[in-house]
Amino acid sequence: MAFFVGVPKGQTITRIHDERDEFCKHCKQITKNTIKSIELRHIFGPKFDGVDFTKTCNQCKKDGKLTDADKNNLIREFMQKEPQYKQEELISEGFSLYEKGKYVEAIKFFDQCLAISQNDTAVYGKASCLMSLGKFSEASELAQHLESKYPNDNDVIDMVNVLHKHDIHW
């Protein structure tokens, strides 16, 4: 029983991440290059889909290529500077495992997210996993929390109804 529904992608946010002197293959010389981060977000709420990086020569304004190693290093730096995105990464991985039926593994990612700070999407994911594992009593406290904050949310209502069908009441 899946409770998670994907949300369409919506906007991108571009920020200057770094400036460095590098060789431009178009100008054929070392010039100042601007490295920009491009954050991809869902149309509703602050859901983070990922980040990519581009390199632009400040002299000729043409885009250059970043190596995979450079991109990976920049992504690591970005995640350290923007810790809220680490939570989104953990939640995304948790739901990916949930959809594959790997509930125990998914709970580990939701717990890592919750160790950073309270995140209701992670609470929802963990409760969904626990219910899929038949651990209704363990899921009830999480569902109560969600119901108190989102009493009219259809997914939360469905979750509470499933718990009630398994004789879990509060």
C-alpha atoms as a PDB file:
ATOM      1  CA  MET A   1       0.000   0.000   0.000  1.00  0.00           C
ATOM      2  CA  ALA A   2       1.734   3.170  -1.201  1.00  0.00           C
ATOM      3  CA  PHE A   3       0.928   6.523   0.330  1.00  0.00           C
ATOM      4  CA  PHE A   4       3.458   8.660  -1.514  1.00  0.00           C
ATOM      5  CA  VAL A   5       2.424  10.626  -4.569  1.00  0.00           C
ATOM      6  CA  GLY A   6       5.021  12.421  -6.687  1.00  0.00           C
ATOM      7  CA  VAL A   7       4.722  16.132  -7.354  1.00  0.00           C
ATOM      8  CA  PRO A   8       5.551  17.692 -10.740  1.00  0.00           C
ATOM      9  CA  LYS A   9       8.797  19.601 -11.084  1.00  0.00           C
ATOM     10  CA  GLY A  10       8.372  23.318 -11.096  1.00  0.00           C
ATOM     11  CA  GLN A  11      11.194  25.781 -10.788  1.00  0.00           C
ATOM     12  CA  THR A  12      14.933  26.131 -10.950  1.00  0.00           C
ATOM     13  CA  ILE A  13      17.036  28.446  -8.844  1.00  0.00           C
ATOM     14  CA  THR A  14      20.397  29.520 -10.218  1.00  0.00           C
ATOM     15  CA  ARG A  15      23.079  30.852  -7.882  1.00  0.00           C
ATOM     16  CA  ILE A  16      26.704  31.786  -8.405  1.00  0.00           C
ATOM     17  CA  HIS A  17      28.633  29.124  -6.561  1.00  0.00           C
ATOM     18  CA  ASP A  18      32.266  29.993  -7.298  1.00  0.00           C
ATOM     19  CA  GLU A  19      34.612  31.928  -9.575  1.00  0.00           C
ATOM     20  CA  ARG A  20      37.938  30.506 -10.709  1.00  0.00           C
ATOM     21  CA  ASP A  21      40.684  31.076 -13.222  1.00  0.00           C
ATOM     22  CA  GLU A  22      40.576  28.294 -15.817  1.00  0.00           C
ATOM     23  CA  PHE A  23      41.508  27.705 -19.428  1.00  0.00           C
ATOM     24  CA  CYS A  24      38.670  28.540 -21.846  1.00  0.00           C
ATOM     25  CA  LYS A  25      38.773  26.454 -25.006  1.00  0.00           C
ATOM     26  CA  HIS A  26      36.850  29.188 -26.859  1.00  0.00           C
ATOM     27  CA  CYS A  27      39.088  32.122 -25.854  1.00  0.00           C
ATOM     28  CA  LYS A  28      42.202  29.914 -25.893  1.00  0.00           C
ATOM     29  CA  GLN A  29      43.479  31.503 -22.691  1.00  0.00           C
ATOM     30  CA  ILE A  30      43.076  31.404 -18.932  1.00  0.00           C
ATOM     31  CA  THR A  31      40.070  33.483 -17.966  1.00  0.00           C
ATOM     32  CA  LYS A  32      37.800  33.949 -14.974  1.00  0.00           C
ATOM     33  CA  ASN A  33      35.033  31.315 -15.046  1.00  0.00           C
ATOM     34  CA  THR A  34      31.820  31.485 -13.062  1.00  0.00           C
ATOM     35  CA  ILE A  35      30.507  28.237 -11.627  1.00  0.00           C
ATOM     36  CA  LYS A  36      26.742  28.344 -11.106  1.00  0.00           C
ATOM     37  CA  SER A  37      24.603  25.940  -9.163  1.00  0.00           C
ATOM     38  CA  ILE A  38      21.196  25.160 -10.599  1.00  0.00           C
ATOM     39  CA  GLU A  39      18.774  23.844  -7.993  1.00  0.00           C
ATOM     40  CA  LEU A  40      15.755  21.922  -9.217  1.00  0.00           C
ATOM     41  CA  ARG A  41      12.597  22.169  -7.104  1.00  0.00           C
ATOM     42  CA  HIS A  42       9.048  20.865  -7.146  1.00  0.00           C
ATOM     43  CA  ILE A  43       6.270  23.250  -8.043  1.00  0.00           C
ATOM     44  CA  PHE A  44       4.647  22.894  -4.596  1.00  0.00           C
ATOM     45  CA  GLY A  45       6.585  23.553  -1.435  1.00  0.00           C
ATOM     46  CA  PRO A  46      10.319  23.379  -0.836  1.00  0.00           C
ATOM     47  CA  LYS A  47      10.853  19.866  -2.229  1.00  0.00           C
ATOM     48  CA  PHE A  48      14.379  19.605  -3.606  1.00  0.00           C
ATOM     49  CA  ASP A  49      15.008  17.470  -6.708  1.00  0.00           C
ATOM     50  CA  GLY A  50      18.722  17.937  -7.091  1.00  0.00           C
ATOM     51  CA  VAL A  51      21.458  20.281  -8.159  1.00  0.00           C
ATOM     52  CA  ASP A  52      23.601  20.627 -11.244  1.00  0.00           C
ATOM     53  CA  PHE A  53      26.512  22.915 -12.053  1.00  0.00           C
ATOM     54  CA  THR A  54      27.562  24.877 -15.116  1.00  0.00           C
ATOM     55  CA  LYS A  55      30.754  26.755 -15.944  1.00  0.00           C
ATOM     56  CA  THR A  56      30.672  29.971 -17.995  1.00  0.00           C
ATOM     57  CA  CYS A  57      33.648  31.976 -19.242  1.00  0.00           C
ATOM     58  CA  ASN A  58      33.313  35.578 -18.026  1.00  0.00           C
ATOM     59  CA  GLN A  59      35.094  36.860 -21.151  1.00  0.00           C
ATOM     60  CA  CYS A  60      33.349  35.108 -24.074  1.00  0.00           C
ATOM     61  CA  LYS A  61      30.203  34.111 -22.077  1.00  0.00           C
ATOM     62  CA  LYS A  62      30.276  30.584 -23.511  1.00  0.00           C
ATOM     63  CA  ASP A  63      29.569  27.554 -21.386  1.00  0.00           C
ATOM     64  CA  GLY A  64      32.323  25.080 -20.695  1.00  0.00           C
ATOM     65  CA  LYS A  65      32.199  21.519 -19.428  1.00  0.00           C
ATOM     66  CA  LEU A  66      32.907  20.410 -15.894  1.00  0.00           C
ATOM     67  CA  THR A  67      34.436  16.994 -15.378  1.00  0.00           C
ATOM     68  CA  ASP A  68      32.390  14.429 -13.472  1.00  0.00           C
ATOM     69  CA  ALA A  69      34.933  14.611 -10.650  1.00  0.00           C
ATOM     70  CA  ASP A  70      34.558  18.412 -10.470  1.00  0.00           C
ATOM     71  CA  LYS A  71      30.753  18.084 -10.452  1.00  0.00           C
ATOM     72  CA  ASN A  72      30.857  15.482  -7.675  1.00  0.00           C
ATOM     73  CA  ASN A  73      33.161  17.689  -5.578  1.00  0.00           C
ATOM     74  CA  LEU A  74      30.902  20.693  -6.128  1.00  0.00           C
ATOM     75  CA  ILE A  75      27.824  18.684  -5.166  1.00  0.00           C
ATOM     76  CA  ARG A  76      29.540  17.578  -1.932  1.00  0.00           C
ATOM     77  CA  GLU A  77      30.503  21.202  -1.154  1.00  0.00           C
ATOM     78  CA  PHE A  78      26.977  22.358  -1.960  1.00  0.00           C
ATOM     79  CA  MET A  79      25.385  19.774   0.332  1.00  0.00           C
ATOM     80  CA  GLN A  80      27.682  20.822   3.184  1.00  0.00           C
ATOM     81  CA  LYS A  81      26.815  24.497   2.704  1.00  0.00           C
ATOM     82  CA  GLU A  82      23.086  23.777   2.316  1.00  0.00           C
ATOM     83  CA  PRO A  83      22.251  21.151   4.989  1.00  0.00           C
ATOM     84  CA  GLN A  84      18.498  21.317   4.358  1.00  0.00           C
ATOM     85  CA  TYR A  85      19.151  19.607   1.030  1.00  0.00           C
ATOM     86  CA  LYS A  86      20.756  16.674   2.816  1.00  0.00           C
ATOM     87  CA  GLN A  87      17.344  15.997   4.359  1.00  0.00           C
ATOM     88  CA  GLU A  88      15.685  16.088   0.963  1.00  0.00           C
ATOM     89  CA  GLU A  89      18.294  13.688  -0.393  1.00  0.00           C
ATOM     90  CA  LEU A  90      17.646  11.274   2.493  1.00  0.00           C
ATOM     91  CA  ILE A  91      13.872  11.515   2.047  1.00  0.00           C
ATOM     92  CA  SER A  92      14.142  10.937  -1.686  1.00  0.00           C
ATOM     93  CA  GLU A  93      16.280   7.830  -1.138  1.00  0.00           C
ATOM     94  CA  GLY A  94      13.883   6.626   1.578  1.00  0.00           C
ATOM     95  CA  PHE A  95      10.856   6.867  -0.718  1.00  0.00           C
ATOM     96  CA  SER A  96      12.790   5.243  -3.551  1.00  0.00           C
ATOM     97  CA  LEU A  97      13.465   2.239  -1.310  1.00  0.00           C
ATOM     98  CA  TYR A  98       9.868   2.299  -0.043  1.00  0.00           C
ATOM     99  CA  GLU A  99       8.542   2.050  -3.601  1.00  0.00           C
ATOM    100  CA  LYS A 100      10.791  -0.995  -4.121  1.00  0.00           C
ATOM    101  CA  GLY A 101       9.357  -2.664  -1.024  1.00  0.00           C
ATOM    102  CA  LYS A 102      12.603  -2.267   0.964  1.00  0.00           C
ATOM    103  CA  TYR A 103      10.902  -0.882   4.039  1.00  0.00           C
ATOM    104  CA  VAL A 104      13.584  -1.647   6.648  1.00  0.00           C
ATOM    105  CA  GLU A 105      16.256   0.029   4.522  1.00  0.00           C
ATOM    106  CA  ALA A 106      13.954   3.002   3.840  1.00  0.00           C
ATOM    107  CA  ILE A 107      13.351   3.538   7.567  1.00  0.00           C
ATOM    108  CA  LYS A 108      17.106   4.011   8.042  1.00  0.00           C
ATOM    109  CA  PHE A 109      17.059   6.962   5.640  1.00  0.00           C
ATOM    110  CA  PHE A 110      13.981   8.504   7.256  1.00  0.00           C
ATOM    111  CA  ASP A 111      15.628   8.101  10.688  1.00  0.00           C
ATOM    112  CA  GLN A 112      18.801   9.810   9.435  1.00  0.00           C
ATOM    113  CA  CYS A 113      16.675  12.714   8.240  1.00  0.00           C
ATOM    114  CA  LEU A 114      14.816  12.899  11.553  1.00  0.00           C
ATOM    115  CA  ALA A 115      18.147  12.923  13.405  1.00  0.00           C
ATOM    116  CA  ILE A 116      18.950  16.206  11.628  1.00  0.00           C
ATOM    117  CA  SER A 117      15.598  17.836  12.482  1.00  0.00           C
ATOM    118  CA  GLN A 118      11.870  17.195  12.614  1.00  0.00           C
ATOM    119  CA  ASN A 119      10.599  16.743   9.059  1.00  0.00           C
ATOM    120  CA  ASP A 120       6.986  15.709   8.559  1.00  0.00           C
ATOM    121  CA  THR A 121       7.678  14.137   5.177  1.00  0.00           C
ATOM    122  CA  ALA A 122      10.204  11.828   6.871  1.00  0.00           C
ATOM    123  CA  VAL A 123       7.667  11.105   9.642  1.00  0.00           C
ATOM    124  CA  TYR A 124       5.128  10.194   6.976  1.00  0.00           C
ATOM    125  CA  GLY A 125       7.639   7.988   5.154  1.00  0.00           C
ATOM    126  CA  LYS A 126       8.659   6.168   8.317  1.00  0.00           C
ATOM    127  CA  ALA A 127       5.034   5.626   9.361  1.00  0.00           C
ATOM    128  CA  SER A 128       4.220   4.272   5.888  1.00  0.00           C
ATOM    129  CA  CYS A 129       7.132   1.831   6.100  1.00  0.00           C
ATOM    130  CA  LEU A 130       6.162   0.660   9.574  1.00  0.00           C
ATOM    131  CA  MET A 131       2.599   0.070   8.431  1.00  0.00           C
ATOM    132  CA  SER A 132       3.807  -1.850   5.376  1.00  0.00           C
ATOM    133  CA  LEU A 133       5.826  -4.036   7.756  1.00  0.00           C
ATOM    134  CA  GLY A 134       2.692  -4.639   9.861  1.00  0.00           C
ATOM    135  CA  LYS A 135       4.091  -2.620  12.786  1.00  0.00           C
ATOM    136  CA  PHE A 136       0.902  -0.680  13.339  1.00  0.00           C
ATOM    137  CA  SER A 137       1.506   0.104  17.018  1.00  0.00           C
ATOM    138  CA  GLU A 138       4.877   1.687  16.201  1.00  0.00           C
ATOM    139  CA  ALA A 139       3.317   3.710  13.378  1.00  0.00           C
ATOM    140  CA  SER A 140       0.469   5.012  15.552  1.00  0.00           C
ATOM    141  CA  GLU A 141       2.480   7.700  17.379  1.00  0.00           C
ATOM    142  CA  LEU A 142       3.791   9.026  14.074  1.00  0.00           C
ATOM    143  CA  ALA A 143       0.303   8.981  12.565  1.00  0.00           C
ATOM    144  CA  GLN A 144      -1.075  10.841  15.599  1.00  0.00           C
ATOM    145  CA  HIS A 145       1.547  13.543  15.081  1.00  0.00           C
ATOM    146  CA  LEU A 146       0.622  13.859  11.409  1.00  0.00           C
ATOM    147  CA  GLU A 147      -3.106  13.868  12.124  1.00  0.00           C
ATOM    148  CA  SER A 148      -2.700  16.678  14.666  1.00  0.00           C
ATOM    149  CA  LYS A 149      -0.912  18.843  12.090  1.00  0.00           C
ATOM    150  CA  TYR A 150      -2.710  17.780   8.896  1.00  0.00           C
ATOM    151  CA  PRO A 151      -6.218  16.649   9.890  1.00  0.00           C
ATOM    152  CA  ASN A 152      -7.654  17.275   6.402  1.00  0.00           C
ATOM    153  CA  ASP A 153      -4.858  15.709   4.350  1.00  0.00           C
ATOM    154  CA  ASN A 154      -6.236  12.741   2.390  1.00  0.00           C
ATOM    155  CA  ASP A 155      -3.034  10.679   2.724  1.00  0.00           C
ATOM    156  CA  VAL A 156      -2.992  11.200   6.492  1.00  0.00           C
ATOM    157  CA  ILE A 157      -6.701  10.359   6.715  1.00  0.00           C
ATOM    158  CA  ASP A 158      -6.046   7.146   4.748  1.00  0.00           C
ATOM    159  CA  MET A 159      -3.165   6.279   7.078  1.00  0.00           C
ATOM    160  CA  VAL A 160      -5.310   6.816  10.177  1.00  0.00           C
ATOM    161  CA  ASN A 161      -8.147   4.755   8.677  1.00  0.00           C
ATOM    162  CA  VAL A 162      -5.795   1.841   8.009  1.00  0.00           C
ATOM    163  CA  LEU A 163      -4.582   2.000  11.607  1.00  0.00           C
ATOM    164  CA  HIS A 164      -8.166   2.065  12.876  1.00  0.00           C
ATOM    165  CA  LYS A 165      -8.961  -1.031  10.800  1.00  0.00           C
ATOM    166  CA  HIS A 166      -6.110  -2.741  12.665  1.00  0.00           C
ATOM    167  CA  ASP A 167      -7.643  -1.753  16.041  1.00  0.00           C
ATOM    168  CA  ILE A 168      -5.201   1.093  16.692  1.00  0.00           C
ATOM    169  CA  HIS A 169      -7.150   4.009  18.202  1.00  0.00           C
ATOM    170  CA  TRP A 170      -6.243   7.111  20.164  1.00  0.00           C
END
